[in-house]
Amino acid sequence: MSKLRRKTASLPMDDALFRSKPRKAPPFDFVLDAISALSPRTRPLFGCLAVYVEDKIVLALRDKPSSREDNGVWLATTREHHESLRRDFPSMRSIKVLGEDVTGWQVLPADAPDFEEAALRACELILAKDPRIGKVPGARRTPRPGEKQGGKTSKQSWR
């Protein structure tokens, strides 16, 4: 004996429910194009777009309406390389939203007259595997004398 089937009214599908939010284009995507031979990966990082090559974070791309002076290409580096990098990038400076302390991160400001040229030069250094650009995430610095080991928060470790 066949089962009775209940008739259900078919509801029109609301296309709005199935539309995905259009992805926002990455800021300064010409940078990703320039290093595409290295197969870079990206991930969100504190409102920026972090760029990884192999096991290193090399850049962060930032274009936000808040703190516009820090928009641009952030270089993942260390303090010991600031002076030599500043010779290559005269407009490079510390990132203001990270506070007064000098951090490993430096910015090539988007409002600098040589921004695109400097950003592409940074890409050339990354392609050449220049040791001044890039950090392995999670790598901790050695504690200074008198400093407690393991006292850093995860937020501080990326600086």
N, C-alpha and C. Protein backbone atom coordinates (compact mmCIF):
# COMPACT_ATOMS: atom_id res chain seq x y z
N MET A 1 0.82 -1.15 0.00
CA MET A 1 0.00 0.00 0.00
C MET A 1 0.88 1.24 0.00
N SER A 2 0.55 2.23 -0.80
CA SER A 2 1.37 3.44 -0.87
C SER A 2 1.00 4.41 0.24
N LYS A 3 2.00 5.12 0.70
CA LYS A 3 1.76 6.11 1.76
C LYS A 3 1.20 7.36 1.14
N LEU A 4 0.35 7.98 1.91
CA LEU A 4 -0.18 9.26 1.46
C LEU A 4 0.87 10.33 1.65
N ARG A 5 1.01 11.15 0.67
CA ARG A 5 1.96 12.26 0.79
C ARG A 5 1.20 13.54 1.00
N ARG A 6 1.68 14.30 1.91
CA ARG A 6 1.04 15.58 2.19
C ARG A 6 1.56 16.58 1.18
N LYS A 7 0.68 17.37 0.65
CA LYS A 7 1.10 18.39 -0.29
C LYS A 7 1.64 19.56 0.50
N THR A 8 2.80 19.99 0.11
CA THR A 8 3.36 21.18 0.75
C THR A 8 3.51 22.24 -0.31
N ALA A 9 3.19 23.41 0.07
CA ALA A 9 3.34 24.50 -0.88
C ALA A 9 4.83 24.78 -1.04
N SER A 10 5.22 24.88 -2.25
CA SER A 10 6.64 25.19 -2.44
C SER A 10 6.81 26.70 -2.34
N LEU A 11 7.72 27.07 -1.49
CA LEU A 11 7.97 28.49 -1.26
C LEU A 11 9.05 28.96 -2.23
N PRO A 12 8.89 30.16 -2.74
CA PRO A 12 9.94 30.67 -3.62
C PRO A 12 11.23 30.87 -2.81
N MET A 13 12.33 30.48 -3.37
CA MET A 13 13.61 30.63 -2.69
C MET A 13 14.01 32.10 -2.71
N ASP A 14 14.43 32.56 -1.58
CA ASP A 14 14.90 33.93 -1.49
C ASP A 14 16.38 33.94 -1.83
N ASP A 15 16.69 34.48 -2.99
CA ASP A 15 18.08 34.51 -3.43
C ASP A 15 18.99 35.23 -2.44
N ALA A 16 18.43 36.18 -1.71
CA ALA A 16 19.25 36.93 -0.76
C ALA A 16 19.81 36.03 0.33
N LEU A 17 19.09 34.96 0.66
CA LEU A 17 19.58 34.04 1.68
C LEU A 17 20.81 33.28 1.22
N PHE A 18 20.91 33.07 -0.07
CA PHE A 18 21.98 32.24 -0.59
C PHE A 18 23.13 33.03 -1.20
N ARG A 19 22.96 34.32 -1.25
CA ARG A 19 24.05 35.15 -1.78
C ARG A 19 25.12 35.30 -0.72
N SER A 20 26.33 35.09 -1.12
CA SER A 20 27.41 35.31 -0.16
C SER A 20 27.84 36.77 -0.23
N LYS A 21 28.36 37.20 0.87
CA LYS A 21 28.83 38.57 0.94
C LYS A 21 30.02 38.69 -0.02
N PRO A 22 30.01 39.68 -0.88
CA PRO A 22 31.14 39.78 -1.80
C PRO A 22 32.43 40.03 -1.02
N ARG A 23 33.45 39.32 -1.41
CA ARG A 23 34.73 39.48 -0.74
C ARG A 23 35.34 40.82 -1.08
N LYS A 24 35.85 41.44 -0.07
CA LYS A 24 36.52 42.71 -0.25
C LYS A 24 37.89 42.44 -0.87
N ALA A 25 38.25 43.21 -1.85
CA ALA A 25 39.56 43.04 -2.47
C ALA A 25 40.64 43.35 -1.44
N PRO A 26 41.73 42.61 -1.46
CA PRO A 26 42.79 42.89 -0.50
C PRO A 26 43.38 44.27 -0.76
N PRO A 27 43.75 44.96 0.30
CA PRO A 27 44.38 46.27 0.08
C PRO A 27 45.72 46.10 -0.63
N PHE A 28 46.02 47.01 -1.50
CA PHE A 28 47.31 47.04 -2.19
C PHE A 28 47.64 45.68 -2.81
N ASP A 29 46.68 45.15 -3.56
CA ASP A 29 46.84 43.80 -4.11
C ASP A 29 47.98 43.68 -5.11
N PHE A 30 48.51 44.81 -5.58
CA PHE A 30 49.67 44.75 -6.47
C PHE A 30 50.87 44.12 -5.75
N VAL A 31 50.89 44.23 -4.42
CA VAL A 31 51.97 43.62 -3.63
C VAL A 31 51.88 42.10 -3.73
N LEU A 32 50.67 41.56 -3.61
CA LEU A 32 50.49 40.10 -3.72
C LEU A 32 50.85 39.62 -5.12
N ASP A 33 50.51 40.42 -6.12
CA ASP A 33 50.88 40.06 -7.49
C ASP A 33 52.40 40.01 -7.65
N ALA A 34 53.09 40.96 -7.03
CA ALA A 34 54.54 41.05 -7.18
C ALA A 34 55.28 39.86 -6.57
N ILE A 35 54.71 39.26 -5.52
CA ILE A 35 55.38 38.11 -4.88
C ILE A 35 54.66 36.79 -5.16
N SER A 36 53.81 36.79 -6.16
CA SER A 36 53.00 35.60 -6.45
C SER A 36 53.86 34.37 -6.76
N ALA A 37 55.07 34.56 -7.26
CA ALA A 37 55.95 33.42 -7.56
C ALA A 37 56.29 32.62 -6.30
N LEU A 38 56.17 33.24 -5.13
CA LEU A 38 56.46 32.57 -3.86
C LEU A 38 55.22 31.92 -3.24
N SER A 39 54.10 31.96 -3.93
CA SER A 39 52.83 31.42 -3.44
C SER A 39 52.49 31.92 -2.04
N PRO A 40 52.34 33.23 -1.89
CA PRO A 40 52.03 33.78 -0.56
C PRO A 40 50.65 33.36 -0.09
N ARG A 41 50.50 33.23 1.24
CA ARG A 41 49.21 32.95 1.87
C ARG A 41 48.83 34.18 2.67
N THR A 42 47.54 34.40 2.82
CA THR A 42 47.08 35.55 3.60
C THR A 42 46.14 35.10 4.70
N ARG A 43 46.13 35.88 5.77
CA ARG A 43 45.23 35.65 6.90
C ARG A 43 44.93 36.99 7.54
N PRO A 44 43.74 37.14 8.10
CA PRO A 44 43.45 38.38 8.81
C PRO A 44 44.35 38.52 10.04
N LEU A 45 44.76 39.74 10.32
CA LEU A 45 45.62 40.01 11.48
C LEU A 45 45.29 41.39 12.00
N PHE A 46 44.55 41.46 13.09
CA PHE A 46 44.23 42.73 13.75
C PHE A 46 43.74 43.78 12.76
N GLY A 47 42.82 43.41 11.90
CA GLY A 47 42.25 44.36 10.95
C GLY A 47 43.10 44.58 9.71
N CYS A 48 44.22 43.91 9.62
CA CYS A 48 45.08 43.98 8.45
C CYS A 48 45.01 42.64 7.73
N LEU A 49 45.73 42.54 6.65
CA LEU A 49 45.84 41.27 5.95
C LEU A 49 47.30 40.84 6.03
N ALA A 50 47.58 39.81 6.81
CA ALA A 50 48.94 39.32 6.97
C ALA A 50 49.32 38.49 5.76
N VAL A 51 50.56 38.61 5.34
CA VAL A 51 51.07 37.89 4.18
C VAL A 51 52.21 36.99 4.64
N TYR A 52 52.06 35.70 4.36
CA TYR A 52 53.04 34.70 4.76
C TYR A 52 53.69 34.10 3.52
N VAL A 53 54.99 33.87 3.62
CA VAL A 53 55.74 33.14 2.60
C VAL A 53 56.45 32.02 3.34
N GLU A 54 56.14 30.80 2.94
CA GLU A 54 56.64 29.61 3.63
C GLU A 54 56.25 29.71 5.11
N ASP A 55 57.21 29.67 6.01
CA ASP A 55 56.87 29.68 7.43
C ASP A 55 56.95 31.07 8.06
N LYS A 56 57.19 32.10 7.25
CA LYS A 56 57.39 33.44 7.79
C LYS A 56 56.25 34.39 7.44
N ILE A 57 55.95 35.27 8.39
CA ILE A 57 55.11 36.40 8.08
C ILE A 57 56.05 37.48 7.54
N VAL A 58 55.75 38.01 6.38
CA VAL A 58 56.65 38.98 5.76
C VAL A 58 56.06 40.38 5.73
N LEU A 59 54.75 40.47 5.56
CA LEU A 59 54.09 41.77 5.42
C LEU A 59 52.72 41.74 6.08
N ALA A 60 52.19 42.91 6.28
CA ALA A 60 50.77 43.08 6.58
C ALA A 60 50.31 44.26 5.74
N LEU A 61 49.16 44.11 5.14
CA LEU A 61 48.61 45.17 4.29
C LEU A 61 47.46 45.82 5.04
N ARG A 62 47.51 47.15 5.15
CA ARG A 62 46.50 47.86 5.94
C ARG A 62 45.96 49.05 5.17
N ASP A 63 44.64 49.11 5.06
CA ASP A 63 43.95 50.25 4.45
C ASP A 63 42.62 50.40 5.17
N LYS A 64 42.65 51.12 6.30
CA LYS A 64 41.48 51.28 7.15
C LYS A 64 41.19 52.76 7.33
N PRO A 65 39.91 53.10 7.56
CA PRO A 65 39.58 54.51 7.75
C PRO A 65 40.11 55.09 9.07
N SER A 66 40.33 54.23 10.07
CA SER A 66 40.87 54.73 11.34
C SER A 66 42.40 54.74 11.27
N SER A 67 43.00 55.71 11.90
CA SER A 67 44.46 55.85 11.94
C SER A 67 45.07 55.71 10.55
N ARG A 68 44.61 56.57 9.65
CA ARG A 68 45.05 56.50 8.25
C ARG A 68 46.56 56.62 8.09
N GLU A 69 47.22 57.27 9.04
CA GLU A 69 48.68 57.44 8.90
C GLU A 69 49.42 56.11 8.95
N ASP A 70 48.76 55.06 9.45
CA ASP A 70 49.39 53.74 9.50
C ASP A 70 48.95 52.83 8.36
N ASN A 71 48.19 53.36 7.41
CA ASN A 71 47.84 52.58 6.23
C ASN A 71 49.05 52.41 5.34
N GLY A 72 49.16 51.26 4.75
CA GLY A 72 50.27 50.98 3.84
C GLY A 72 50.71 49.55 3.97
N VAL A 73 51.98 49.32 3.69
CA VAL A 73 52.57 48.00 3.76
C VAL A 73 53.44 47.94 5.01
N TRP A 74 53.08 47.04 5.90
CA TRP A 74 53.85 46.84 7.14
C TRP A 74 54.89 45.76 6.87
N LEU A 75 56.12 46.06 7.24
CA LEU A 75 57.22 45.10 7.07
C LEU A 75 57.45 44.37 8.39
N ALA A 76 57.49 43.06 8.34
CA ALA A 76 57.82 42.26 9.52
C ALA A 76 59.34 42.18 9.56
N THR A 77 59.93 42.83 10.54
CA THR A 77 61.37 42.87 10.65
C THR A 77 61.76 42.90 12.12
N THR A 78 62.99 43.21 12.41
CA THR A 78 63.44 43.35 13.79
C THR A 78 64.17 44.68 13.93
N ARG A 79 64.27 45.15 15.14
CA ARG A 79 64.91 46.45 15.41
C ARG A 79 66.31 46.53 14.84
N GLU A 80 67.02 45.42 14.88
CA GLU A 80 68.41 45.44 14.40
C GLU A 80 68.51 45.77 12.91
N HIS A 81 67.43 45.61 12.15
CA HIS A 81 67.46 45.86 10.71
C HIS A 81 66.87 47.22 10.33
N HIS A 82 66.35 47.97 11.28
CA HIS A 82 65.69 49.23 10.95
C HIS A 82 66.63 50.20 10.21
N GLU A 83 67.83 50.38 10.72
CA GLU A 83 68.74 51.35 10.13
C GLU A 83 69.07 51.00 8.68
N SER A 84 69.40 49.74 8.42
CA SER A 84 69.74 49.37 7.04
C SER A 84 68.51 49.44 6.13
N LEU A 85 67.35 49.06 6.65
CA LEU A 85 66.14 49.16 5.83
C LEU A 85 65.77 50.61 5.55
N ARG A 86 66.03 51.50 6.51
CA ARG A 86 65.71 52.92 6.32
C ARG A 86 66.55 53.51 5.18
N ARG A 87 67.72 52.98 4.96
CA ARG A 87 68.53 53.45 3.81
C ARG A 87 67.83 53.06 2.51
N ASP A 88 67.20 51.88 2.47
CA ASP A 88 66.46 51.46 1.28
C ASP A 88 65.09 52.13 1.17
N PHE A 89 64.51 52.45 2.33
CA PHE A 89 63.15 53.00 2.38
C PHE A 89 63.13 54.25 3.26
N PRO A 90 63.48 55.41 2.71
CA PRO A 90 63.54 56.63 3.53
C PRO A 90 62.22 57.00 4.20
N SER A 91 61.09 56.61 3.63
CA SER A 91 59.80 56.97 4.23
C SER A 91 59.35 55.98 5.30
N MET A 92 60.07 54.87 5.49
CA MET A 92 59.70 53.86 6.47
C MET A 92 59.76 54.45 7.87
N ARG A 93 58.80 54.04 8.70
CA ARG A 93 58.77 54.52 10.09
C ARG A 93 58.04 53.51 10.97
N SER A 94 58.09 53.77 12.28
CA SER A 94 57.37 52.92 13.22
C SER A 94 55.87 53.12 13.05
N ILE A 95 55.13 52.14 13.48
CA ILE A 95 53.67 52.15 13.34
C ILE A 95 53.07 52.77 14.59
N LYS A 96 52.31 53.84 14.41
CA LYS A 96 51.78 54.61 15.54
C LYS A 96 50.72 53.86 16.35
N VAL A 97 49.88 53.05 15.69
CA VAL A 97 48.82 52.36 16.44
C VAL A 97 49.38 51.29 17.38
N LEU A 98 50.65 50.95 17.24
CA LEU A 98 51.25 49.96 18.12
C LEU A 98 51.84 50.58 19.38
N GLY A 99 51.73 51.90 19.50
CA GLY A 99 52.21 52.58 20.70
C GLY A 99 53.53 53.29 20.48
N GLU A 100 54.04 53.82 21.56
CA GLU A 100 55.27 54.62 21.52
C GLU A 100 56.53 53.77 21.35
N ASP A 101 56.50 52.56 21.87
CA ASP A 101 57.69 51.71 21.78
C ASP A 101 58.02 51.38 20.33
N VAL A 102 59.30 51.32 20.04
CA VAL A 102 59.73 50.88 18.72
C VAL A 102 59.53 49.37 18.66
N THR A 103 58.86 48.92 17.63
CA THR A 103 58.60 47.49 17.47
C THR A 103 59.34 46.97 16.25
N GLY A 104 59.29 45.67 16.05
CA GLY A 104 59.88 45.09 14.86
C GLY A 104 59.13 45.49 13.60
N TRP A 105 57.85 45.77 13.73
CA TRP A 105 57.04 46.15 12.58
C TRP A 105 57.34 47.59 12.18
N GLN A 106 57.48 47.80 10.88
CA GLN A 106 57.66 49.13 10.33
C GLN A 106 56.70 49.29 9.17
N VAL A 107 56.33 50.53 8.87
CA VAL A 107 55.35 50.77 7.81
C VAL A 107 55.97 51.56 6.67
N LEU A 108 55.59 51.17 5.46
CA LEU A 108 55.81 51.99 4.27
C LEU A 108 54.48 52.69 4.07
N PRO A 109 54.38 53.96 4.48
CA PRO A 109 53.07 54.64 4.50
C PRO A 109 52.47 54.82 3.11
N ALA A 110 51.18 54.55 3.02
CA ALA A 110 50.46 54.67 1.74
C ALA A 110 50.43 56.10 1.23
N ASP A 111 50.55 57.06 2.14
CA ASP A 111 50.48 58.46 1.71
C ASP A 111 51.86 59.03 1.35
N ALA A 112 52.91 58.21 1.39
CA ALA A 112 54.24 58.67 0.99
C ALA A 112 54.29 58.80 -0.53
N PRO A 113 55.00 59.81 -1.03
CA PRO A 113 55.05 59.99 -2.49
C PRO A 113 55.65 58.79 -3.24
N ASP A 114 56.52 58.04 -2.58
CA ASP A 114 57.17 56.90 -3.24
C ASP A 114 56.58 55.56 -2.81
N PHE A 115 55.32 55.56 -2.33
CA PHE A 115 54.74 54.36 -1.75
C PHE A 115 54.80 53.14 -2.66
N GLU A 116 54.28 53.24 -3.86
CA GLU A 116 54.24 52.06 -4.74
C GLU A 116 55.64 51.58 -5.08
N GLU A 117 56.54 52.50 -5.35
CA GLU A 117 57.92 52.14 -5.65
C GLU A 117 58.56 51.43 -4.46
N ALA A 118 58.35 51.96 -3.26
CA ALA A 118 58.92 51.35 -2.05
C ALA A 118 58.31 49.98 -1.80
N ALA A 119 57.01 49.85 -1.96
CA ALA A 119 56.34 48.56 -1.74
C ALA A 119 56.86 47.51 -2.72
N LEU A 120 57.05 47.89 -3.97
CA LEU A 120 57.57 46.95 -4.96
C LEU A 120 59.03 46.60 -4.68
N ARG A 121 59.79 47.55 -4.15
CA ARG A 121 61.18 47.27 -3.75
C ARG A 121 61.19 46.27 -2.60
N ALA A 122 60.27 46.42 -1.65
CA ALA A 122 60.17 45.45 -0.55
C ALA A 122 59.84 44.06 -1.10
N CYS A 123 58.99 44.01 -2.11
CA CYS A 123 58.66 42.72 -2.74
C CYS A 123 59.89 42.11 -3.39
N GLU A 124 60.73 42.93 -4.01
CA GLU A 124 61.97 42.43 -4.61
C GLU A 124 62.86 41.81 -3.53
N LEU A 125 62.94 42.47 -2.37
CA LEU A 125 63.75 41.94 -1.27
C LEU A 125 63.18 40.61 -0.76
N ILE A 126 61.86 40.51 -0.71
CA ILE A 126 61.23 39.27 -0.27
C ILE A 126 61.51 38.16 -1.28
N LEU A 127 61.39 38.48 -2.56
CA LEU A 127 61.68 37.49 -3.61
C LEU A 127 63.14 37.02 -3.53
N ALA A 128 64.03 37.93 -3.14
CA ALA A 128 65.45 37.59 -3.01
C ALA A 128 65.77 36.94 -1.66
N LYS A 129 64.72 36.73 -0.84
CA LYS A 129 64.85 36.13 0.50
C LYS A 129 65.80 36.92 1.40
N ASP A 130 65.69 38.25 1.32
CA ASP A 130 66.48 39.13 2.17
C ASP A 130 66.15 38.82 3.63
N PRO A 131 67.15 38.52 4.45
CA PRO A 131 66.89 38.11 5.84
C PRO A 131 66.35 39.23 6.73
N ARG A 132 66.36 40.46 6.23
CA ARG A 132 65.86 41.58 7.04
C ARG A 132 64.34 41.64 7.09
N ILE A 133 63.68 40.95 6.17
CA ILE A 133 62.22 41.00 6.12
C ILE A 133 61.68 39.59 6.36
N GLY A 134 60.82 39.48 7.36
CA GLY A 134 60.17 38.21 7.66
C GLY A 134 60.52 37.71 9.04
N LYS A 135 59.51 37.16 9.70
CA LYS A 135 59.68 36.58 11.03
C LYS A 135 58.86 35.31 11.09
N VAL A 136 59.37 34.34 11.80
CA VAL A 136 58.60 33.12 12.04
C VAL A 136 57.66 33.43 13.20
N PRO A 137 56.34 33.35 12.99
CA PRO A 137 55.40 33.65 14.08
C PRO A 137 55.63 32.73 15.27
N GLY A 138 55.48 33.30 16.43
CA GLY A 138 55.62 32.52 17.64
C GLY A 138 57.05 32.44 18.13
N ALA A 139 57.99 32.87 17.31
CA ALA A 139 59.38 32.88 17.76
C ALA A 139 59.50 33.95 18.83
N ARG A 140 59.98 33.56 19.96
CA ARG A 140 60.09 34.48 21.09
C ARG A 140 61.51 35.02 21.18
N ARG A 141 61.58 36.25 21.59
CA ARG A 141 62.91 36.81 21.84
C ARG A 141 63.42 36.26 23.16
N THR A 142 64.72 36.33 23.35
CA THR A 142 65.27 35.86 24.62
C THR A 142 65.03 36.94 25.67
N PRO A 143 64.71 36.54 26.88
CA PRO A 143 64.43 37.53 27.91
C PRO A 143 65.66 38.34 28.27
N ARG A 144 65.44 39.59 28.58
CA ARG A 144 66.52 40.46 29.04
C ARG A 144 66.86 40.08 30.48
N PRO A 145 68.07 40.41 30.92
CA PRO A 145 68.41 40.10 32.31
C PRO A 145 67.40 40.74 33.27
N GLY A 146 66.95 39.96 34.22
CA GLY A 146 65.98 40.44 35.20
C GLY A 146 64.54 40.36 34.75
N GLU A 147 64.30 39.97 33.50
CA GLU A 147 62.94 39.87 32.97
C GLU A 147 62.42 38.46 33.20
N LYS A 148 61.14 38.37 33.59
CA LYS A 148 60.55 37.05 33.80
C LYS A 148 60.35 36.36 32.46
N GLN A 149 60.72 35.10 32.40
CA GLN A 149 60.51 34.33 31.19
C GLN A 149 59.05 33.91 31.12
N GLY A 150 58.47 33.97 29.92
CA GLY A 150 57.09 33.54 29.73
C GLY A 150 56.08 34.57 30.17
N GLY A 151 56.54 35.78 30.45
CA GLY A 151 55.63 36.81 30.93
C GLY A 151 54.95 37.59 29.83
N LYS A 152 55.26 37.30 28.57
CA LYS A 152 54.67 38.05 27.47
C LYS A 152 53.29 37.48 27.13
N THR A 153 52.42 38.34 26.69
CA THR A 153 51.13 37.86 26.21
C THR A 153 51.25 37.56 24.73
N SER A 154 50.30 36.81 24.20
CA SER A 154 50.36 36.47 22.79
C SER A 154 50.23 37.71 21.93
N LYS A 155 49.52 38.73 22.40
CA LYS A 155 49.38 39.95 21.63
C LYS A 155 50.72 40.65 21.48
N GLN A 156 51.55 40.58 22.49
CA GLN A 156 52.84 41.24 22.43
C GLN A 156 53.84 40.48 21.57
N SER A 157 53.70 39.19 21.44
CA SER A 157 54.73 38.40 20.76
C SER A 157 54.83 38.70 19.28
N TRP A 158 53.81 39.24 18.66
CA TRP A 158 53.88 39.50 17.21
C TRP A 158 54.53 40.83 16.94
N ARG A 159 54.74 41.65 17.96
CA ARG A 159 55.35 42.96 17.76
C ARG A 159 56.79 42.76 17.43
